[in-house]
Amino acid sequence: MKTVFPTEVPAGQILPDNVVEELMADDLLPEYDIDYSQARPNRFAQRKTAKTITLDPDVDSVFQTDEAVNTILWALIQSMPQTAYRKTA
């Protein structure tokens, strides 16, 4: 049986049920079948580096912007002994 593509069917022509079922089973042309097992991550996509934290509602009401939160956190970090916040590699 010859494969019939939708673009080859004249407008208004009624197709037999078996042809319609064949068309509905795989609506992509064979050259568009993608082997996802060989897919790789997009090296150009941006990496997410920001972390999100949730503040308690009462703490959130104290700060107007994220910059204000960061300013206070940096002040706290600088007041701590260096060994308390230094990452160990």
PDB file of N, CA and C in Angstrom:
ATOM      1  N   MET A   1       0.841  -1.171   0.000  1.00  0.00           N
ATOM      2  CA  MET A   1       0.000   0.000   0.000  1.00  0.00           C
ATOM      3  C   MET A   1       0.892   1.242   0.000  1.00  0.00           C
ATOM      4  N   LYS A   2       0.604   2.208  -0.846  1.00  0.00           N
ATOM      5  CA  LYS A   2       1.374   3.444  -0.960  1.00  0.00           C
ATOM      6  C   LYS A   2       1.018   4.383   0.194  1.00  0.00           C
ATOM      7  N   THR A   3       2.062   5.002   0.787  1.00  0.00           N
ATOM      8  CA  THR A   3       1.833   5.959   1.852  1.00  0.00           C
ATOM      9  C   THR A   3       1.265   7.238   1.256  1.00  0.00           C
ATOM     10  N   VAL A   4       0.199   7.732   1.845  1.00  0.00           N
ATOM     11  CA  VAL A   4      -0.455   8.946   1.371  1.00  0.00           C
ATOM     12  C   VAL A   4      -0.246  10.031   2.416  1.00  0.00           C
ATOM     13  N   PHE A   5       0.279  11.172   1.992  1.00  0.00           N
ATOM     14  CA  PHE A   5       0.475  12.303   2.880  1.00  0.00           C
ATOM     15  C   PHE A   5      -0.676  13.277   2.694  1.00  0.00           C
ATOM     16  N   PRO A   6      -1.062  14.000   3.750  1.00  0.00           N
ATOM     17  CA  PRO A   6      -2.211  14.907   3.658  1.00  0.00           C
ATOM     18  C   PRO A   6      -2.071  15.938   2.544  1.00  0.00           C
ATOM     19  N   THR A   7      -0.857  16.335   2.216  1.00  0.00           N
ATOM     20  CA  THR A   7      -0.676  17.335   1.163  1.00  0.00           C
ATOM     21  C   THR A   7      -0.955  16.774  -0.217  1.00  0.00           C
ATOM     22  N   GLU A   8      -0.985  15.450  -0.335  1.00  0.00           N
ATOM     23  CA  GLU A   8      -1.222  14.812  -1.629  1.00  0.00           C
ATOM     24  C   GLU A   8      -2.702  14.562  -1.901  1.00  0.00           C
ATOM     25  N   VAL A   9      -3.536  14.797  -0.908  1.00  0.00           N
ATOM     26  CA  VAL A   9      -4.965  14.522  -1.053  1.00  0.00           C
ATOM     27  C   VAL A   9      -5.655  15.765  -1.581  1.00  0.00           C
ATOM     28  N   PRO A  10      -6.348  15.661  -2.721  1.00  0.00           N
ATOM     29  CA  PRO A  10      -7.077  16.817  -3.244  1.00  0.00           C
ATOM     30  C   PRO A  10      -8.170  17.263  -2.276  1.00  0.00           C
ATOM     31  N   ALA A  11      -8.409  18.561  -2.241  1.00  0.00           N
ATOM     32  CA  ALA A  11      -9.423  19.110  -1.341  1.00  0.00           C
ATOM     33  C   ALA A  11     -10.784  18.512  -1.644  1.00  0.00           C
ATOM     34  N   GLY A  12     -11.497  18.153  -0.597  1.00  0.00           N
ATOM     35  CA  GLY A  12     -12.849  17.623  -0.747  1.00  0.00           C
ATOM     36  C   GLY A  12     -12.907  16.129  -0.984  1.00  0.00           C
ATOM     37  N   GLN A  13     -11.769  15.465  -1.202  1.00  0.00           N
ATOM     38  CA  GLN A  13     -11.779  14.023  -1.444  1.00  0.00           C
ATOM     39  C   GLN A  13     -11.926  13.284  -0.115  1.00  0.00           C
ATOM     40  N   ILE A  14     -12.744  12.265  -0.096  1.00  0.00           N
ATOM     41  CA  ILE A  14     -12.947  11.453   1.104  1.00  0.00           C
ATOM     42  C   ILE A  14     -12.031  10.242   1.014  1.00  0.00           C
ATOM     43  N   LEU A  15     -11.275  10.041   2.082  1.00  0.00           N
ATOM     44  CA  LEU A  15     -10.326   8.933   2.114  1.00  0.00           C
ATOM     45  C   LEU A  15     -10.951   7.716   2.779  1.00  0.00           C
ATOM     46  N   PRO A  16     -10.516   6.534   2.382  1.00  0.00           N
ATOM     47  CA  PRO A  16     -10.996   5.315   3.052  1.00  0.00           C
ATOM     48  C   PRO A  16     -10.544   5.308   4.518  1.00  0.00           C
ATOM     49  N   ASP A  17     -11.285   4.605   5.367  1.00  0.00           N
ATOM     50  CA  ASP A  17     -10.994   4.568   6.797  1.00  0.00           C
ATOM     51  C   ASP A  17      -9.583   4.096   7.104  1.00  0.00           C
ATOM     52  N   ASN A  18      -9.100   3.081   6.377  1.00  0.00           N
ATOM     53  CA  ASN A  18      -7.768   2.563   6.668  1.00  0.00           C
ATOM     54  C   ASN A  18      -6.677   3.602   6.365  1.00  0.00           C
ATOM     55  N   VAL A  19      -6.883   4.444   5.366  1.00  0.00           N
ATOM     56  CA  VAL A  19      -5.922   5.493   5.040  1.00  0.00           C
ATOM     57  C   VAL A  19      -5.963   6.583   6.112  1.00  0.00           C
ATOM     58  N   VAL A  20      -7.155   6.923   6.553  1.00  0.00           N
ATOM     59  CA  VAL A  20      -7.303   7.929   7.600  1.00  0.00           C
ATOM     60  C   VAL A  20      -6.631   7.438   8.877  1.00  0.00           C
ATOM     61  N   GLU A  21      -6.834   6.179   9.242  1.00  0.00           N
ATOM     62  CA  GLU A  21      -6.201   5.622  10.440  1.00  0.00           C
ATOM     63  C   GLU A  21      -4.682   5.664  10.322  1.00  0.00           C
ATOM     64  N   GLU A  22      -4.169   5.378   9.142  1.00  0.00           N
ATOM     65  CA  GLU A  22      -2.718   5.420   8.927  1.00  0.00           C
ATOM     66  C   GLU A  22      -2.194   6.849   9.084  1.00  0.00           C
ATOM     67  N   LEU A  23      -2.925   7.806   8.559  1.00  0.00           N
ATOM     68  CA  LEU A  23      -2.512   9.204   8.681  1.00  0.00           C
ATOM     69  C   LEU A  23      -2.569   9.675  10.134  1.00  0.00           C
ATOM     70  N   MET A  24      -3.577   9.233  10.858  1.00  0.00           N
ATOM     71  CA  MET A  24      -3.732   9.659  12.240  1.00  0.00           C
ATOM     72  C   MET A  24      -2.716   8.994  13.168  1.00  0.00           C
ATOM     73  N   ALA A  25      -2.248   7.796  12.809  1.00  0.00           N
ATOM     74  CA  ALA A  25      -1.320   7.059  13.652  1.00  0.00           C
ATOM     75  C   ALA A  25       0.013   7.807  13.787  1.00  0.00           C
ATOM     76  N   ASP A  26       0.500   8.374  12.725  1.00  0.00           N
ATOM     77  CA  ASP A  26       1.775   9.098  12.764  1.00  0.00           C
ATOM     78  C   ASP A  26       1.654  10.278  11.819  1.00  0.00           C
ATOM     79  N   ASP A  27       1.420  11.469  12.385  1.00  0.00           N
ATOM     80  CA  ASP A  27       1.197  12.630  11.539  1.00  0.00           C
ATOM     81  C   ASP A  27       2.488  13.341  11.145  1.00  0.00           C
ATOM     82  N   LEU A  28       3.651  12.844  11.599  1.00  0.00           N
ATOM     83  CA  LEU A  28       4.925  13.434  11.198  1.00  0.00           C
ATOM     84  C   LEU A  28       5.533  12.650  10.049  1.00  0.00           C
ATOM     85  N   LEU A  29       6.211  13.357   9.192  1.00  0.00           N
ATOM     86  CA  LEU A  29       6.936  12.685   8.131  1.00  0.00           C
ATOM     87  C   LEU A  29       8.108  11.919   8.741  1.00  0.00           C
ATOM     88  N   PRO A  30       8.549  10.855   8.100  1.00  0.00           N
ATOM     89  CA  PRO A  30       9.625  10.039   8.677  1.00  0.00           C
ATOM     90  C   PRO A  30      10.904  10.824   8.996  1.00  0.00           C
ATOM     91  N   GLU A  31      11.222  11.833   8.201  1.00  0.00           N
ATOM     92  CA  GLU A  31      12.457  12.585   8.447  1.00  0.00           C
ATOM     93  C   GLU A  31      12.364  13.459   9.701  1.00  0.00           C
ATOM     94  N   TYR A  32      11.160  13.614  10.267  1.00  0.00           N
ATOM     95  CA  TYR A  32      11.000  14.386  11.485  1.00  0.00           C
ATOM     96  C   TYR A  32      10.936  13.514  12.739  1.00  0.00           C
ATOM     97  N   ASP A  33      11.050  12.213  12.590  1.00  0.00           N
ATOM     98  CA  ASP A  33      11.094  11.342  13.762  1.00  0.00           C
ATOM     99  C   ASP A  33      12.409  11.604  14.484  1.00  0.00           C
ATOM    100  N   ILE A  34      12.332  11.919  15.761  1.00  0.00           N
ATOM    101  CA  ILE A  34      13.507  12.321  16.532  1.00  0.00           C
ATOM    102  C   ILE A  34      13.887  11.221  17.503  1.00  0.00           C
ATOM    103  N   ASP A  35      15.155  10.896  17.530  1.00  0.00           N
ATOM    104  CA  ASP A  35      15.681   9.917  18.478  1.00  0.00           C
ATOM    105  C   ASP A  35      16.132  10.673  19.718  1.00  0.00           C
ATOM    106  N   TYR A  36      15.269  10.743  20.726  1.00  0.00           N
ATOM    107  CA  TYR A  36      15.557  11.520  21.926  1.00  0.00           C
ATOM    108  C   TYR A  36      16.665  10.906  22.781  1.00  0.00           C
ATOM    109  N   SER A  37      17.011   9.655  22.526  1.00  0.00           N
ATOM    110  CA  SER A  37      18.081   9.039  23.310  1.00  0.00           C
ATOM    111  C   SER A  37      19.435   9.673  23.011  1.00  0.00           C
ATOM    112  N   GLN A  38      19.552  10.363  21.890  1.00  0.00           N
ATOM    113  CA  GLN A  38      20.814  11.013  21.527  1.00  0.00           C
ATOM    114  C   GLN A  38      20.796  12.513  21.813  1.00  0.00           C
ATOM    115  N   ALA A  39      19.752  13.000  22.469  1.00  0.00           N
ATOM    116  CA  ALA A  39      19.646  14.430  22.779  1.00  0.00           C
ATOM    117  C   ALA A  39      20.661  14.813  23.848  1.00  0.00           C
ATOM    118  N   ARG A  40      21.182  16.034  23.748  1.00  0.00           N
ATOM    119  CA  ARG A  40      22.139  16.552  24.732  1.00  0.00           C
ATOM    120  C   ARG A  40      21.608  17.867  25.282  1.00  0.00           C
ATOM    121  N   PRO A  41      22.045  18.247  26.484  1.00  0.00           N
ATOM    122  CA  PRO A  41      21.604  19.529  27.041  1.00  0.00           C
ATOM    123  C   PRO A  41      22.082  20.687  26.163  1.00  0.00           C
ATOM    124  N   ASN A  42      21.311  21.757  26.144  1.00  0.00           N
ATOM    125  CA  ASN A  42      21.667  22.938  25.370  1.00  0.00           C
ATOM    126  C   ASN A  42      22.796  23.670  26.079  1.00  0.00           C
ATOM    127  N   ARG A  43      23.972  23.696  25.474  1.00  0.00           N
ATOM    128  CA  ARG A  43      25.129  24.327  26.110  1.00  0.00           C
ATOM    129  C   ARG A  43      25.019  25.848  26.111  1.00  0.00           C
ATOM    130  N   PHE A  44      24.118  26.399  25.325  1.00  0.00           N
ATOM    131  CA  PHE A  44      23.953  27.844  25.253  1.00  0.00           C
ATOM    132  C   PHE A  44      22.875  28.360  26.205  1.00  0.00           C
ATOM    133  N   ALA A  45      22.138  27.466  26.822  1.00  0.00           N
ATOM    134  CA  ALA A  45      21.090  27.876  27.755  1.00  0.00           C
ATOM    135  C   ALA A  45      21.730  28.437  29.015  1.00  0.00           C
ATOM    136  N   GLN A  46      21.079  29.434  29.577  1.00  0.00           N
ATOM    137  CA  GLN A  46      21.610  30.038  30.787  1.00  0.00           C
ATOM    138  C   GLN A  46      21.443  29.089  31.964  1.00  0.00           C
ATOM    139  N   ARG A  47      22.451  29.066  32.784  1.00  0.00           N
ATOM    140  CA  ARG A  47      22.397  28.271  34.003  1.00  0.00           C
ATOM    141  C   ARG A  47      21.690  29.087  35.084  1.00  0.00           C
ATOM    142  N   LYS A  48      20.873  28.438  35.850  1.00  0.00           N
ATOM    143  CA  LYS A  48      20.203  29.129  36.947  1.00  0.00           C
ATOM    144  C   LYS A  48      21.167  29.172  38.126  1.00  0.00           C
ATOM    145  N   THR A  49      21.520  30.377  38.531  1.00  0.00           N
ATOM    146  CA  THR A  49      22.454  30.519  39.638  1.00  0.00           C
ATOM    147  C   THR A  49      21.791  31.144  40.858  1.00  0.00           C
ATOM    148  N   ALA A  50      20.665  31.768  40.696  1.00  0.00           N
ATOM    149  CA  ALA A  50      19.991  32.425  41.816  1.00  0.00           C
ATOM    150  C   ALA A  50      19.240  31.390  42.644  1.00  0.00           C
ATOM    151  N   LYS A  51      19.284  31.570  43.952  1.00  0.00           N
ATOM    152  CA  LYS A  51      18.526  30.713  44.854  1.00  0.00           C
ATOM    153  C   LYS A  51      17.339  31.508  45.376  1.00  0.00           C
ATOM    154  N   THR A  52      16.268  30.834  45.609  1.00  0.00           N
ATOM    155  CA  THR A  52      15.073  31.480  46.142  1.00  0.00           C
ATOM    156  C   THR A  52      14.877  31.027  47.575  1.00  0.00           C
ATOM    157  N   ILE A  53      14.648  31.989  48.446  1.00  0.00           N
ATOM    158  CA  ILE A  53      14.337  31.662  49.839  1.00  0.00           C
ATOM    159  C   ILE A  53      12.994  32.264  50.185  1.00  0.00           C
ATOM    160  N   THR A  54      12.313  31.648  51.125  1.00  0.00           N
ATOM    161  CA  THR A  54      11.016  32.141  51.554  1.00  0.00           C
ATOM    162  C   THR A  54      11.150  32.707  52.963  1.00  0.00           C
ATOM    163  N   LEU A  55      10.729  33.942  53.123  1.00  0.00           N
ATOM    164  CA  LEU A  55      10.765  34.597  54.426  1.00  0.00           C
ATOM    165  C   LEU A  55       9.426  34.415  55.129  1.00  0.00           C
ATOM    166  N   ASP A  56       9.478  34.324  56.429  1.00  0.00           N
ATOM    167  CA  ASP A  56       8.243  34.308  57.198  1.00  0.00           C
ATOM    168  C   ASP A  56       7.518  35.633  56.970  1.00  0.00           C
ATOM    169  N   PRO A  57       6.193  35.641  57.011  1.00  0.00           N
ATOM    170  CA  PRO A  57       5.439  36.871  56.746  1.00  0.00           C
ATOM    171  C   PRO A  57       5.848  38.044  57.634  1.00  0.00           C
ATOM    172  N   ASP A  58       6.131  37.795  58.917  1.00  0.00           N
ATOM    173  CA  ASP A  58       6.505  38.894  59.797  1.00  0.00           C
ATOM    174  C   ASP A  58       7.888  39.447  59.449  1.00  0.00           C
ATOM    175  N   VAL A  59       8.800  38.588  58.987  1.00  0.00           N
ATOM    176  CA  VAL A  59      10.128  39.051  58.553  1.00  0.00           C
ATOM    177  C   VAL A  59       9.985  39.796  57.225  1.00  0.00           C
ATOM    178  N   ASP A  60       9.158  39.284  56.353  1.00  0.00           N
ATOM    179  CA  ASP A  60       8.946  39.901  55.043  1.00  0.00           C
ATOM    180  C   ASP A  60       8.395  41.322  55.175  1.00  0.00           C
ATOM    181  N   SER A  61       7.577  41.545  56.183  1.00  0.00           N
ATOM    182  CA  SER A  61       6.967  42.876  56.340  1.00  0.00           C
ATOM    183  C   SER A  61       7.991  43.942  56.715  1.00  0.00           C
ATOM    184  N   VAL A  62       9.165  43.537  57.218  1.00  0.00           N
ATOM    185  CA  VAL A  62      10.206  44.483  57.619  1.00  0.00           C
ATOM    186  C   VAL A  62      10.943  45.050  56.404  1.00  0.00           C
ATOM    187  N   PHE A  63      11.098  44.246  55.360  1.00  0.00           N
ATOM    188  CA  PHE A  63      11.902  44.630  54.196  1.00  0.00           C
ATOM    189  C   PHE A  63      11.020  45.055  53.027  1.00  0.00           C
ATOM    190  N   GLN A  64      11.449  46.120  52.360  1.00  0.00           N
ATOM    191  CA  GLN A  64      10.691  46.636  51.209  1.00  0.00           C
ATOM    192  C   GLN A  64      11.167  46.021  49.888  1.00  0.00           C
ATOM    193  N   THR A  65      12.471  45.727  49.801  1.00  0.00           N
ATOM    194  CA  THR A  65      13.032  45.205  48.544  1.00  0.00           C
ATOM    195  C   THR A  65      13.986  44.061  48.831  1.00  0.00           C
ATOM    196  N   ASP A  66      14.335  43.330  47.793  1.00  0.00           N
ATOM    197  CA  ASP A  66      15.327  42.269  47.940  1.00  0.00           C
ATOM    198  C   ASP A  66      16.712  42.852  48.227  1.00  0.00           C
ATOM    199  N   GLU A  67      16.968  44.058  47.748  1.00  0.00           N
ATOM    200  CA  GLU A  67      18.246  44.710  48.026  1.00  0.00           C
ATOM    201  C   GLU A  67      18.401  44.999  49.521  1.00  0.00           C
ATOM    202  N   ALA A  68      17.311  45.358  50.183  1.00  0.00           N
ATOM    203  CA  ALA A  68      17.355  45.616  51.622  1.00  0.00           C
ATOM    204  C   ALA A  68      17.685  44.333  52.381  1.00  0.00           C
ATOM    205  N   VAL A  69      17.111  43.227  51.961  1.00  0.00           N
ATOM    206  CA  VAL A  69      17.404  41.936  52.590  1.00  0.00           C
ATOM    207  C   VAL A  69      18.872  41.599  52.395  1.00  0.00           C
ATOM    208  N   ASN A  70      19.379  41.760  51.177  1.00  0.00           N
ATOM    209  CA  ASN A  70      20.780  41.446  50.904  1.00  0.00           C
ATOM    210  C   ASN A  70      21.729  42.341  51.691  1.00  0.00           C
ATOM    211  N   THR A  71      21.386  43.612  51.825  1.00  0.00           N
ATOM    212  CA  THR A  71      22.230  44.540  52.586  1.00  0.00           C
ATOM    213  C   THR A  71      22.358  44.082  54.036  1.00  0.00           C
ATOM    214  N   ILE A  72      21.236  43.720  54.644  1.00  0.00           N
ATOM    215  CA  ILE A  72      21.254  43.262  56.036  1.00  0.00           C
ATOM    216  C   ILE A  72      22.006  41.941  56.166  1.00  0.00           C
ATOM    217  N   LEU A  73      21.788  41.043  55.233  1.00  0.00           N
ATOM    218  CA  LEU A  73      22.486  39.753  55.293  1.00  0.00           C
ATOM    219  C   LEU A  73      23.993  39.932  55.151  1.00  0.00           C
ATOM    220  N   TRP A  74      24.425  40.813  54.243  1.00  0.00           N
ATOM    221  CA  TRP A  74      25.869  41.056  54.082  1.00  0.00           C
ATOM    222  C   TRP A  74      26.458  41.691  55.336  1.00  0.00           C
ATOM    223  N   ALA A  75      25.724  42.575  55.966  1.00  0.00           N
ATOM    224  CA  ALA A  75      26.200  43.178  57.214  1.00  0.00           C
ATOM    225  C   ALA A  75      26.349  42.104  58.288  1.00  0.00           C
ATOM    226  N   LEU A  76      25.398  41.190  58.357  1.00  0.00           N
ATOM    227  CA  LEU A  76      25.463  40.105  59.329  1.00  0.00           C
ATOM    228  C   LEU A  76      26.652  39.186  59.034  1.00  0.00           C
ATOM    229  N   ILE A  77      26.835  38.846  57.775  1.00  0.00           N
ATOM    230  CA  ILE A  77      27.943  37.974  57.380  1.00  0.00           C
ATOM    231  C   ILE A  77      29.284  38.609  57.726  1.00  0.00           C
ATOM    232  N   GLN A  78      29.426  39.903  57.482  1.00  0.00           N
ATOM    233  CA  GLN A  78      30.693  40.585  57.752  1.00  0.00           C
ATOM    234  C   GLN A  78      30.966  40.695  59.248  1.00  0.00           C
ATOM    235  N   SER A  79      29.923  40.660  60.064  1.00  0.00           N
ATOM    236  CA  SER A  79      30.120  40.742  61.508  1.00  0.00           C
ATOM    237  C   SER A  79      30.481  39.384  62.113  1.00  0.00           C
ATOM    238  N   MET A  80      30.308  38.314  61.360  1.00  0.00           N
ATOM    239  CA  MET A  80      30.601  36.967  61.851  1.00  0.00           C
ATOM    240  C   MET A  80      32.092  36.671  61.711  1.00  0.00           C
ATOM    241  N   PRO A  81      32.631  35.788  62.544  1.00  0.00           N
ATOM    242  CA  PRO A  81      34.023  35.361  62.332  1.00  0.00           C
ATOM    243  C   PRO A  81      34.144  34.692  60.966  1.00  0.00           C
ATOM    244  N   GLN A  82      35.264  34.902  60.293  1.00  0.00           N
ATOM    245  CA  GLN A  82      35.425  34.393  58.928  1.00  0.00           C
ATOM    246  C   GLN A  82      35.234  32.890  58.838  1.00  0.00           C
ATOM    247  N   THR A  83      35.672  32.147  59.798  1.00  0.00           N
ATOM    248  CA  THR A  83      35.571  30.688  59.725  1.00  0.00           C
ATOM    249  C   THR A  83      34.128  30.207  59.793  1.00  0.00           C
ATOM    250  N   ALA A  84      33.227  31.041  60.273  1.00  0.00           N
ATOM    251  CA  ALA A  84      31.825  30.629  60.410  1.00  0.00           C
ATOM    252  C   ALA A  84      31.117  30.549  59.062  1.00  0.00           C
ATOM    253  N   TYR A  85      31.525  31.332  58.107  1.00  0.00           N
ATOM    254  CA  TYR A  85      30.809  31.340  56.832  1.00  0.00           C
ATOM    255  C   TYR A  85      31.671  30.952  55.647  1.00  0.00           C
ATOM    256  N   ARG A  86      32.931  30.693  55.826  1.00  0.00           N
ATOM    257  CA  ARG A  86      33.793  30.296  54.700  1.00  0.00           C
ATOM    258  C   ARG A  86      33.455  28.864  54.286  1.00  0.00           C
ATOM    259  N   LYS A  87      33.269  28.673  52.989  1.00  0.00           N
ATOM    260  CA  LYS A  87      32.995  27.321  52.474  1.00  0.00           C
ATOM    261  C   LYS A  87      34.269  26.501  52.505  1.00  0.00           C
ATOM    262  N   THR A  88      34.120  25.252  52.892  1.00  0.00           N
ATOM    263  CA  THR A  88      35.277  24.358  52.864  1.00  0.00           C
ATOM    264  C   THR A  88      35.224  23.548  51.580  1.00  0.00           C
ATOM    265  N   ALA A  89      36.344  23.498  50.903  1.00  0.00           N
ATOM    266  CA  ALA A  89      36.370  22.781  49.617  1.00  0.00           C
ATOM    267  C   ALA A  89      36.853  21.370  49.798  1.00  0.00           C
TER     268      ALA A  89
END
